[in-house]
């Protein structure tokens, strides 16, 4: 008779070890997963709230915004307005999974399967995480960042460090590289180079700024536009990188803080592009592992029913006219597409053979899925694998809403032969960061005049920036640049739609 992993709801650390070993056996032998070494830690509700406040990282530098988040989440939790996640998983090597101590033994099995093997495999194998993250070095780098910020606070004062971090955090979403370079990110090497990287940058910096004419008269020897843009690396969409390299008045320690913030922003960049795939992968993996453990007799019927109750809640998708609807649940959509791929690979219909000739009837479910998990992001995953059958299942349709048209909102595609490709294309586009994130880049600096920094926002489909938010963020940018900043919104034909100009606030004497 097969030995049960546990009896009842209670567990201890020996139980967790048995559960982990059993999940690992299914994950590696049956599903062929390739994972980082696992480190599983059990935490309290308060520790989970603390993890929420610091974006889930096991260690982080101190900042007032994290305390604000903690207070908000704690108040909501105590009032019963929000629940807590069953787990948090860190993209690192070893892969750290935090489990809530309140979880039953069944729920611990579920979250170990979900996080320690589902998310873990995705982190290690997806091409975006390989390009943009350094799982081996992130924990050491966070420790370096925490220590460095503390040293800066001791040397330059908490207020001045906080002022720089406030500005960097405001620009964090525009502090990332969207296209891979020749060198893979190596955070351990970044840490070692922290005190030695300035010589070349200072040479370029001096070459650039020594040509700026002094006084009101403009010099004919000013840099040509081409030379100026080349030295500044323009156009540049990574605003934090540009400020770190080119802001005229930042101290070395402030440049290093900007570097820390943009490296952390870059670490999280793949997660914004793979929410559906990442959660869909982890949900599919935990479903397969829990089902296998039940078939093997390692968990009871009661345990399996408890699991199914939680799983059903996770993949619940409200209808469009349900008050709870707020878009597609990434768990529901990701899991549904994964299961549909399994169906297409094993039991395809004629429609599937027409739409998916490369995988229909192939038979190797896990081989196909592992390839999908490794080589796609949400936008391309949906564009490639969302089937007509699934569109009918979710009863998908597309609403056309153009503010320049007086016809109002209309349904211009539904889940039928004429609408399948349009619906799929539009849903995929909603997960394309190039479409949903504002395209803002530095285009020039008036070196021969008032040193104004000029940025362009390339407006897509008339979606302009919120005026209040734009001015607030530009204020932080101007404070770091220390001269005026102009942001010009332009349409596809480079026609100016709106312009903002913000001046820096006075620099405190301690910083100046």
Protein backbone atom coordinates (compact mmCIF):
# COMPACT_ATOMS: atom_id res chain seq x y z
CA UNK A 1 0.00 0.00 0.00
CA UNK A 2 1.29 3.46 -0.93
CA UNK A 3 2.22 5.58 2.06
CA UNK A 4 0.21 8.77 2.53
CA UNK A 5 2.18 12.00 2.57
CA UNK A 6 0.16 13.23 5.56
CA UNK A 7 -3.01 12.62 7.54
CA UNK A 8 -5.40 15.46 8.34
CA UNK A 9 -4.62 19.16 8.07
CA UNK A 10 -1.60 19.36 10.38
CA UNK A 11 1.98 19.26 9.17
CA UNK A 12 5.53 19.64 10.42
CA UNK A 13 8.83 20.21 8.64
CA UNK A 14 9.37 16.50 8.08
CA UNK A 15 5.99 16.47 6.34
CA UNK A 16 7.04 19.37 4.13
CA UNK A 17 10.18 17.47 3.16
CA UNK A 18 8.14 14.40 2.16
CA UNK A 19 5.76 16.60 0.18
CA UNK A 20 8.62 18.34 -1.61
CA UNK A 21 10.29 15.04 -2.49
CA UNK A 22 7.03 13.59 -3.83
CA UNK A 23 6.30 16.72 -5.91
CA UNK A 24 9.85 16.71 -7.24
CA UNK A 25 9.54 13.10 -8.35
CA UNK A 26 6.43 13.87 -10.41
CA UNK A 27 7.83 17.17 -11.71
CA UNK A 28 11.11 15.74 -12.95
CA UNK A 29 10.15 12.19 -13.94
CA UNK A 30 6.63 12.68 -15.32
CA UNK A 31 6.70 16.30 -16.51
CA UNK A 32 10.40 16.63 -17.34
CA UNK A 33 10.80 19.94 -15.53
CA UNK A 34 14.20 21.56 -15.06
CA UNK A 35 14.34 23.67 -11.90
CA UNK A 36 16.73 25.62 -9.70
CA UNK A 37 17.50 24.13 -6.26
CA UNK A 38 14.61 24.86 -3.91
CA UNK A 39 14.67 26.72 -0.61
CA UNK A 40 11.33 26.61 1.22
CA UNK A 41 10.61 28.94 4.13
CA UNK A 42 7.51 29.14 6.31
CA UNK A 43 6.40 32.63 7.33
CA UNK A 44 3.68 34.30 9.40
CA UNK A 45 0.92 36.60 8.16
CA UNK A 46 2.89 39.65 9.31
CA UNK A 47 5.98 38.47 7.46
CA UNK A 48 3.88 37.95 4.35
CA UNK A 49 2.60 41.53 4.67
CA UNK A 50 6.19 42.69 5.02
CA UNK A 51 7.09 40.80 1.84
CA UNK A 52 4.18 42.49 0.05
CA UNK A 53 5.57 45.91 0.98
CA UNK A 54 9.02 45.22 -0.52
CA UNK A 55 7.75 43.70 -3.80
CA UNK A 56 8.25 40.19 -2.45
CA UNK A 57 12.03 40.33 -2.15
CA UNK A 58 13.71 38.61 0.81
CA UNK A 59 15.90 41.65 1.56
CA UNK A 60 15.69 45.21 0.36
CA UNK A 61 16.93 48.69 1.17
CA UNK A 62 14.77 50.88 3.40
CA UNK A 63 12.38 53.43 1.95
CA UNK A 64 9.30 55.17 3.35
CA UNK A 65 7.09 53.87 0.51
CA UNK A 66 7.57 50.29 1.71
CA UNK A 67 6.30 51.23 5.17
CA UNK A 68 3.32 52.95 3.58
CA UNK A 69 2.49 49.78 1.63
CA UNK A 70 2.86 47.68 4.77
CA UNK A 71 0.47 49.90 6.73
CA UNK A 72 -2.10 49.83 3.93
CA UNK A 73 -2.00 46.05 3.46
CA UNK A 74 -1.99 45.38 7.20
CA UNK A 75 -5.05 47.59 7.78
CA UNK A 76 -6.91 45.96 4.89
CA UNK A 77 -6.00 42.47 6.13
CA UNK A 78 -7.03 43.17 9.74
CA UNK A 79 -10.38 44.57 8.57
CA UNK A 80 -11.02 41.50 6.42
CA UNK A 81 -10.94 43.52 3.19
CA UNK A 82 -8.21 41.39 1.63
CA UNK A 83 -6.73 37.96 1.94
CA UNK A 84 -3.10 36.95 1.70
CA UNK A 85 -1.39 34.88 -0.94
CA UNK A 86 -0.71 31.26 -0.08
CA UNK A 87 2.90 31.78 -1.16
CA UNK A 88 5.48 34.09 -2.68
CA UNK A 89 8.24 32.78 -4.91
CA UNK A 90 11.54 34.50 -5.72
CA UNK A 91 13.32 34.21 -9.06
CA UNK A 92 16.71 33.31 -7.62
CA UNK A 93 19.06 30.36 -7.33
CA UNK A 94 18.21 28.72 -5.01
CA UNK A 95 14.56 29.48 -5.79
CA UNK A 96 13.01 30.72 -2.55
CA UNK A 97 9.35 29.87 -1.85
CA UNK A 98 7.63 31.47 1.14
CA UNK A 99 4.73 29.40 2.52
CA UNK A 100 2.12 30.70 4.95
CA UNK A 101 2.21 28.87 8.26
CA UNK A 102 -1.64 28.95 8.39
CA UNK A 103 -1.88 26.70 5.31
CA UNK A 104 -3.17 23.17 5.76
CA UNK A 105 -1.03 20.23 4.64
CA UNK A 106 -3.05 20.02 1.42
CA UNK A 107 -2.48 23.70 0.68
CA UNK A 108 1.23 23.37 1.42
CA UNK A 109 1.36 20.57 -1.16
CA UNK A 110 -0.47 22.75 -3.67
CA UNK A 111 1.78 25.78 -3.23
CA UNK A 112 4.98 23.72 -3.29
CA UNK A 113 3.85 22.19 -6.59
CA UNK A 114 2.78 25.62 -7.88
CA UNK A 115 5.75 27.74 -6.78
CA UNK A 116 8.72 25.44 -6.14
CA UNK A 117 8.24 23.56 -9.41
CA UNK A 118 5.84 25.46 -11.71
CA UNK A 119 7.19 29.00 -11.30
CA UNK A 120 10.69 27.67 -10.69
CA UNK A 121 10.81 25.88 -14.06
CA UNK A 122 9.44 28.95 -15.85
CA UNK A 123 11.99 31.27 -14.22
CA UNK A 124 14.87 29.01 -15.19
CA UNK A 125 13.84 28.26 -18.77
CA UNK A 126 11.89 31.15 -20.29
CA UNK A 127 14.02 33.19 -22.69
CA UNK A 128 13.04 36.57 -21.20
CA UNK A 129 14.25 35.59 -17.74
CA UNK A 130 17.45 34.20 -19.26
CA UNK A 131 18.06 37.48 -21.10
CA UNK A 132 17.16 39.96 -18.39
CA UNK A 133 17.69 38.38 -14.97
CA UNK A 134 20.58 36.90 -13.04
CA UNK A 135 19.11 34.32 -10.66
CA UNK A 136 22.54 33.41 -9.27
CA UNK A 137 23.45 36.99 -8.39
CA UNK A 138 20.22 38.76 -7.39
CA UNK A 139 20.37 37.95 -3.65
CA UNK A 140 23.98 39.12 -3.33
CA UNK A 141 23.15 42.25 -5.31
CA UNK A 142 20.18 43.07 -3.08
CA UNK A 143 22.43 42.66 -0.05
CA UNK A 144 24.95 45.04 -1.67
CA UNK A 145 22.17 47.53 -2.48
CA UNK A 146 20.84 47.47 1.07
CA UNK A 147 24.30 48.01 2.53
CA UNK A 148 25.14 50.77 0.04
CA UNK A 149 21.94 52.71 0.76
CA UNK A 150 22.59 52.48 4.50
CA UNK A 151 26.14 53.78 4.00
CA UNK A 152 24.83 56.68 1.91
CA UNK A 153 22.31 57.57 4.61
CA UNK A 154 25.07 57.65 7.22
CA UNK A 155 27.36 59.77 5.05
CA UNK A 156 24.97 62.13 3.24
CA UNK A 157 21.84 62.04 5.43
CA UNK A 158 18.59 60.14 5.19
CA UNK A 159 16.69 63.08 3.68
CA UNK A 160 19.05 63.48 0.72
CA UNK A 161 19.15 59.75 0.00
CA UNK A 162 15.37 59.58 0.24
CA UNK A 163 15.04 62.50 -2.17
CA UNK A 164 17.14 60.71 -4.78
CA UNK A 165 15.34 57.39 -4.30
CA UNK A 166 11.94 59.12 -4.53
CA UNK A 167 12.89 60.48 -7.94
CA UNK A 168 14.39 57.18 -9.09
CA UNK A 169 11.29 55.23 -8.02
CA UNK A 170 9.04 57.67 -9.91
CA UNK A 171 11.04 56.94 -13.08
CA UNK A 172 11.48 53.22 -12.40
CA UNK A 173 9.11 52.05 -15.14
CA UNK A 174 11.17 54.09 -17.61
CA UNK A 175 14.49 52.80 -16.29
CA UNK A 176 14.65 49.58 -18.28
CA UNK A 177 16.22 48.37 -21.52
CA UNK A 178 13.59 46.81 -23.76
CA UNK A 179 15.99 45.26 -26.23
CA UNK A 180 18.79 42.86 -25.27
CA UNK A 181 22.39 43.94 -25.70
CA UNK A 182 25.47 41.84 -26.36
CA UNK A 183 26.24 41.23 -22.69
CA UNK A 184 24.09 39.26 -20.28
CA UNK A 185 23.31 40.97 -16.99
CA UNK A 186 25.77 39.85 -14.31
CA UNK A 187 24.79 41.34 -10.96
CA UNK A 188 27.75 39.89 -9.08
CA UNK A 189 30.11 41.62 -11.50
CA UNK A 190 28.05 44.80 -11.15
CA UNK A 191 28.59 44.73 -7.41
CA UNK A 192 32.35 44.27 -7.81
CA UNK A 193 32.58 47.09 -10.35
CA UNK A 194 30.59 49.55 -8.23
CA UNK A 195 33.65 51.48 -7.10
CA UNK A 196 35.70 51.24 -10.33
CA UNK A 197 33.41 52.10 -13.23
CA UNK A 198 33.64 55.91 -13.26
CA UNK A 199 36.87 56.74 -15.08
CA UNK A 200 35.66 56.27 -18.66
CA UNK A 201 32.27 57.80 -17.89
CA UNK A 202 33.93 60.90 -16.43
CA UNK A 203 36.10 61.28 -19.52
CA UNK A 204 33.05 61.21 -21.78
CA UNK A 205 31.16 63.44 -19.34
CA UNK A 206 33.95 66.04 -19.34
CA UNK A 207 34.28 65.91 -23.11
CA UNK A 208 30.57 66.63 -23.38
CA UNK A 209 30.12 69.41 -20.83
CA UNK A 210 33.37 71.31 -21.35
CA UNK A 211 32.05 72.33 -24.78
CA UNK A 212 29.05 74.09 -23.26
CA UNK A 213 29.54 77.84 -23.66
CA UNK A 214 29.72 79.86 -20.47
CA UNK A 215 27.62 82.98 -20.09
CA UNK A 216 24.84 84.14 -22.36
CA UNK A 217 26.84 84.25 -25.60
CA UNK A 218 26.59 81.18 -27.79
CA UNK A 219 29.84 79.76 -29.08
CA UNK A 220 30.32 78.57 -32.63
CA UNK A 221 32.47 75.78 -31.27
CA UNK A 222 29.48 74.10 -29.70
CA UNK A 223 29.08 70.43 -30.51
CA UNK A 224 27.35 69.54 -33.74
CA UNK A 225 23.94 67.99 -33.32
CA UNK A 226 25.24 64.61 -34.51
CA UNK A 227 28.26 64.65 -32.19
CA UNK A 228 26.16 65.78 -29.25
CA UNK A 229 23.57 63.07 -29.76
CA UNK A 230 26.29 60.46 -30.22
CA UNK A 231 28.03 61.41 -26.98
CA UNK A 232 24.74 61.39 -25.12
CA UNK A 233 23.60 58.12 -26.71
CA UNK A 234 20.39 59.65 -28.07
CA UNK A 235 17.63 58.84 -28.58
CA UNK A 236 17.47 56.98 -25.26
CA UNK A 237 14.36 55.36 -23.77
CA UNK A 238 16.06 54.27 -20.54
CA UNK A 239 15.70 57.50 -18.59
CA UNK A 240 17.50 56.30 -15.46
CA UNK A 241 20.46 55.13 -17.52
CA UNK A 242 20.63 58.49 -19.31
CA UNK A 243 20.53 60.42 -16.02
CA UNK A 244 23.14 58.15 -14.44
CA UNK A 245 25.54 58.76 -17.31
CA UNK A 246 24.77 62.35 -18.32
CA UNK A 247 23.06 64.41 -15.56
CA UNK A 248 25.48 67.32 -15.01
CA UNK A 249 25.21 67.79 -11.24
CA UNK A 250 24.61 64.37 -9.73
CA UNK A 251 27.15 63.16 -7.20
CA UNK A 252 28.75 59.70 -7.74
CA UNK A 253 26.70 58.18 -4.92
CA UNK A 254 23.48 59.46 -6.51
CA UNK A 255 24.46 57.90 -9.84
CA UNK A 256 25.04 54.59 -8.07
CA UNK A 257 21.57 54.79 -6.49
CA UNK A 258 20.04 55.32 -9.92
CA UNK A 259 21.99 52.31 -11.14
CA UNK A 260 20.68 50.16 -8.30
CA UNK A 261 17.07 51.16 -8.96
CA UNK A 262 17.31 50.51 -12.70
CA UNK A 263 18.95 47.10 -12.18
CA UNK A 264 16.08 46.11 -9.88
CA UNK A 265 13.56 47.48 -12.40
CA UNK A 266 15.25 45.40 -15.11
CA UNK A 267 15.02 42.30 -12.90
CA UNK A 268 11.22 42.64 -12.78
CA UNK A 269 10.85 43.51 -16.48
CA UNK A 270 10.18 39.92 -17.71
CA UNK A 271 7.43 39.41 -15.13
CA UNK A 272 5.29 42.18 -16.62
CA UNK A 273 5.45 40.41 -20.01
CA UNK A 274 4.75 36.87 -18.79
CA UNK A 275 1.96 37.14 -16.20
CA UNK A 276 -0.45 34.92 -18.15
CA UNK A 277 2.21 32.39 -19.13
CA UNK A 278 3.93 32.30 -15.72
CA UNK A 279 0.74 31.79 -13.74
CA UNK A 280 -0.69 29.49 -16.39
CA UNK A 281 2.43 27.33 -16.28
CA UNK A 282 2.45 27.13 -12.47
CA UNK A 283 -1.29 26.37 -12.36
CA UNK A 284 -0.99 23.66 -15.00
CA UNK A 285 1.99 22.11 -13.19
CA UNK A 286 0.28 22.10 -9.79
CA UNK A 287 -2.83 20.56 -11.35
CA UNK A 288 -0.82 17.77 -12.97
CA UNK A 289 1.23 17.09 -9.83
CA UNK A 290 -1.76 17.07 -7.46
CA UNK A 291 -3.71 14.81 -9.83
CA UNK A 292 -0.78 12.38 -10.03
CA UNK A 293 -0.34 12.32 -6.24
CA UNK A 294 -4.04 11.48 -5.91
CA UNK A 295 -3.78 8.73 -8.51
CA UNK A 296 -0.76 7.30 -6.62
CA UNK A 297 -2.71 7.32 -3.35
CA UNK A 298 -0.29 9.79 -1.75
CA UNK A 299 -3.19 12.12 -0.86
CA UNK A 300 -6.77 11.15 0.04
CA UNK A 301 -10.03 11.92 -1.77
CA UNK A 302 -10.71 14.53 0.90
CA UNK A 303 -7.33 16.16 0.29
CA UNK A 304 -8.00 16.21 -3.45
CA UNK A 305 -11.42 17.78 -2.99
CA UNK A 306 -9.85 20.48 -0.80
CA UNK A 307 -7.32 21.12 -3.53
CA UNK A 308 -10.01 21.28 -6.24
CA UNK A 309 -11.95 23.84 -4.21
CA UNK A 310 -8.94 26.14 -4.05
CA UNK A 311 -7.95 25.47 -7.66
CA UNK A 312 -11.46 26.31 -8.89
CA UNK A 313 -11.36 29.64 -7.08
CA UNK A 314 -7.97 30.44 -8.60
CA UNK A 315 -9.09 29.83 -12.21
CA UNK A 316 -12.55 31.43 -11.86
CA UNK A 317 -13.30 33.84 -14.71
CA UNK A 318 -16.27 36.23 -14.20
CA UNK A 319 -18.47 36.99 -17.21
CA UNK A 320 -18.16 40.42 -18.83
CA UNK A 321 -21.42 41.61 -17.24
CA UNK A 322 -20.48 40.31 -13.77
CA UNK A 323 -19.78 43.14 -11.26
CA UNK A 324 -16.55 41.30 -10.38
CA UNK A 325 -15.23 41.42 -13.96
CA UNK A 326 -12.02 43.42 -14.35
CA UNK A 327 -10.51 41.79 -17.41
CA UNK A 328 -9.16 38.31 -17.97
CA UNK A 329 -7.90 36.42 -14.94
CA UNK A 330 -4.31 35.48 -15.94
CA UNK A 331 -4.59 32.21 -14.00
CA UNK A 332 -7.80 31.29 -15.83
CA UNK A 333 -6.62 32.30 -19.29
CA UNK A 334 -3.14 30.80 -18.92
CA UNK A 335 -4.38 27.50 -17.50
CA UNK A 336 -7.12 27.22 -20.13
CA UNK A 337 -4.66 27.70 -23.01
CA UNK A 338 -2.24 25.16 -21.48
CA UNK A 339 -5.01 22.58 -21.21
CA UNK A 340 -6.18 23.39 -24.71
CA UNK A 341 -2.68 22.81 -26.08
CA UNK A 342 -2.74 19.40 -24.35
CA UNK A 343 -6.05 18.65 -26.10
CA UNK A 344 -4.75 19.80 -29.50
CA UNK A 345 -1.60 17.69 -29.14
CA UNK A 346 -3.46 14.53 -28.09
CA UNK A 347 -7.01 14.74 -29.48
CA UNK A 348 -7.13 17.35 -32.25
CA UNK A 349 -10.21 18.17 -34.28
CA UNK A 350 -10.20 19.20 -37.95
CA UNK A 351 -10.33 22.86 -36.91
CA UNK A 352 -7.24 22.38 -34.73
CA UNK A 353 -5.31 20.76 -37.60
CA UNK A 354 -6.08 23.80 -39.74
CA UNK A 355 -5.07 26.36 -37.10
CA UNK A 356 -2.18 24.47 -35.45
CA UNK A 357 -0.64 22.12 -38.05
CA UNK A 358 2.74 22.02 -36.27
CA UNK A 359 1.45 20.61 -32.97
CA UNK A 360 -1.94 19.01 -33.75
CA UNK A 361 -1.77 15.29 -33.02
CA UNK A 362 1.94 15.43 -32.18
CA UNK A 363 1.38 13.34 -29.02
CA UNK A 364 4.23 14.73 -26.89
CA UNK A 365 2.29 17.04 -24.58
CA UNK A 366 5.12 17.99 -22.23
CA UNK A 367 7.60 18.38 -25.07
CA UNK A 368 5.31 20.91 -26.76
CA UNK A 369 4.51 22.72 -23.51
CA UNK A 370 8.15 22.95 -22.40
CA UNK A 371 8.98 24.48 -25.79
CA UNK A 372 6.13 26.98 -25.41
CA UNK A 373 7.16 27.90 -21.87
CA UNK A 374 10.75 28.50 -23.00
CA UNK A 375 10.20 30.53 -26.15
CA UNK A 376 7.14 32.77 -25.79
CA UNK A 377 5.87 35.73 -23.81
CA UNK A 378 2.21 36.63 -23.19
CA UNK A 379 1.70 38.61 -26.41
CA UNK A 380 3.19 35.98 -28.74
CA UNK A 381 1.74 33.10 -26.68
CA UNK A 382 -1.82 34.39 -27.08
CA UNK A 383 -1.29 35.34 -30.73
CA UNK A 384 0.00 31.84 -31.50
CA UNK A 385 -2.00 29.45 -29.30
CA UNK A 386 -5.42 30.95 -28.48
CA UNK A 387 -7.73 28.60 -30.37
CA UNK A 388 -11.21 29.20 -31.83
CA UNK A 389 -12.54 26.56 -29.42
CA UNK A 390 -11.24 28.54 -26.45
CA UNK A 391 -12.56 31.83 -27.84
CA UNK A 392 -15.99 30.22 -28.08
CA UNK A 393 -15.62 28.83 -24.58
CA UNK A 394 -14.90 32.28 -23.12
CA UNK A 395 -17.42 33.91 -25.50
CA UNK A 396 -14.88 36.53 -26.48
CA UNK A 397 -15.68 39.69 -28.43
CA UNK A 398 -13.89 42.93 -29.22
CA UNK A 399 -15.19 46.43 -28.55
CA UNK A 400 -14.12 49.24 -30.85
CA UNK A 401 -13.89 52.60 -29.09
CA UNK A 402 -12.27 55.45 -31.02
CA UNK A 403 -12.73 58.90 -29.42
CA UNK A 404 -12.41 60.53 -32.84
CA UNK A 405 -15.41 58.63 -34.15
CA UNK A 406 -18.91 59.80 -33.23
CA UNK A 407 -20.43 56.38 -33.67
CA UNK A 408 -19.59 55.49 -30.06
CA UNK A 409 -18.64 52.03 -28.84
CA UNK A 410 -19.46 49.10 -31.09
CA UNK A 411 -18.82 45.35 -31.16
CA UNK A 412 -16.69 44.84 -34.25
CA UNK A 413 -15.62 41.20 -33.80
CA UNK A 414 -17.06 38.15 -32.03
CA UNK A 415 -16.12 34.48 -31.65
CA UNK A 416 -17.07 33.35 -35.15
CA UNK A 417 -15.21 32.58 -38.39
CA UNK A 418 -14.97 36.25 -39.36
CA UNK A 419 -13.89 37.41 -35.92
CA UNK A 420 -11.49 34.78 -34.57
CA UNK A 421 -8.28 36.35 -35.87
CA UNK A 422 -9.31 39.88 -34.98
CA UNK A 423 -10.26 38.91 -31.42
CA UNK A 424 -7.02 36.98 -30.95
CA UNK A 425 -4.91 39.80 -32.39
CA UNK A 426 -6.52 42.44 -30.19
CA UNK A 427 -6.24 40.34 -27.01
CA UNK A 428 -2.58 39.64 -27.76
CA UNK A 429 -1.98 43.36 -28.29
CA UNK A 430 -3.35 44.10 -24.83
CA UNK A 431 -0.40 42.09 -23.47
CA UNK A 432 2.22 43.78 -25.65
CA UNK A 433 4.30 46.14 -23.48
CA UNK A 434 5.28 48.06 -26.59
CA UNK A 435 1.62 48.98 -27.01
CA UNK A 436 0.45 49.43 -23.41
CA UNK A 437 3.50 51.24 -21.94
CA UNK A 438 4.11 54.88 -22.82
CA UNK A 439 6.90 55.24 -25.39
CA UNK A 440 8.97 58.10 -23.96
CA UNK A 441 12.57 58.82 -24.91
CA UNK A 442 15.17 61.54 -24.52
CA UNK A 443 15.79 63.07 -27.95
CA UNK A 444 18.07 66.08 -27.33
CA UNK A 445 19.68 68.50 -24.88
CA UNK A 446 20.12 72.21 -25.57
CA UNK A 447 23.80 72.36 -24.64
CA UNK A 448 24.42 75.77 -26.17
CA UNK A 449 21.53 77.43 -24.40
CA UNK A 450 19.69 76.73 -21.19
CA UNK A 451 20.59 73.00 -21.09
CA UNK A 452 16.94 72.04 -21.36
CA UNK A 453 16.35 68.28 -21.60
CA UNK A 454 13.92 67.42 -24.40
CA UNK A 455 11.81 64.25 -24.41
CA UNK A 456 9.22 62.92 -26.84
CA UNK A 457 6.17 60.81 -26.04
CA UNK A 458 5.07 58.95 -29.15
CA UNK A 459 1.29 58.79 -28.77
CA UNK A 460 -0.49 55.64 -29.94
CA UNK A 461 -4.17 55.80 -30.89
CA UNK A 462 -4.59 59.16 -29.18
CA UNK A 463 -3.68 57.83 -25.72
CA UNK A 464 -2.03 60.87 -24.16
CA UNK A 465 -0.54 61.03 -20.68
CA UNK A 466 -2.54 62.03 -17.64
CA UNK A 467 -1.59 65.67 -17.16
CA UNK A 468 -1.32 65.59 -13.36
CA UNK A 469 0.74 62.40 -13.26
CA UNK A 470 2.95 63.57 -16.13
CA UNK A 471 3.84 66.81 -14.34
CA UNK A 472 4.59 64.99 -11.08
CA UNK A 473 6.95 62.52 -12.74
CA UNK A 474 8.60 65.25 -14.82
CA UNK A 475 9.25 67.17 -11.62
CA UNK A 476 11.33 64.27 -10.33
CA UNK A 477 13.12 64.08 -13.67
CA UNK A 478 13.88 67.82 -13.58
CA UNK A 479 15.16 67.54 -10.01
CA UNK A 480 17.69 64.92 -11.09
CA UNK A 481 18.65 66.75 -14.29
CA UNK A 482 18.82 70.14 -12.37
CA UNK A 483 17.72 72.11 -15.46
CA UNK A 484 14.40 72.52 -17.25
CA UNK A 485 12.77 69.45 -18.78
CA UNK A 486 10.39 69.57 -21.74
CA UNK A 487 8.15 66.66 -22.73
CA UNK A 488 6.51 66.89 -26.14
CA UNK A 489 3.69 64.53 -27.08
CA UNK A 490 3.71 63.76 -30.81
CA UNK A 491 1.48 61.64 -33.01
CA UNK A 492 2.51 59.11 -35.67
CA UNK A 493 3.25 61.98 -38.09
CA UNK A 494 5.41 63.83 -35.52
CA UNK A 495 2.74 66.49 -35.12
CA UNK A 496 2.92 68.15 -31.69
CA UNK A 497 -0.17 67.37 -29.61
CA UNK A 498 0.84 68.79 -26.23
CA UNK A 499 3.96 70.06 -24.46
CA UNK A 500 4.98 70.16 -20.81
CA UNK A 501 7.85 72.21 -19.38
CA UNK A 502 8.97 71.69 -15.77
CA UNK A 503 11.75 73.45 -13.83
CA UNK A 504 13.77 71.82 -11.06
CA UNK A 505 13.09 72.61 -7.45
CA UNK A 506 15.89 74.36 -5.54
CA UNK A 507 18.67 71.98 -4.53
CA UNK A 508 19.15 71.78 -0.73
CA UNK A 509 22.44 73.27 0.41
CA UNK A 510 23.70 69.92 1.76
CA UNK A 511 23.41 68.39 -1.72
CA UNK A 512 24.52 71.39 -3.76
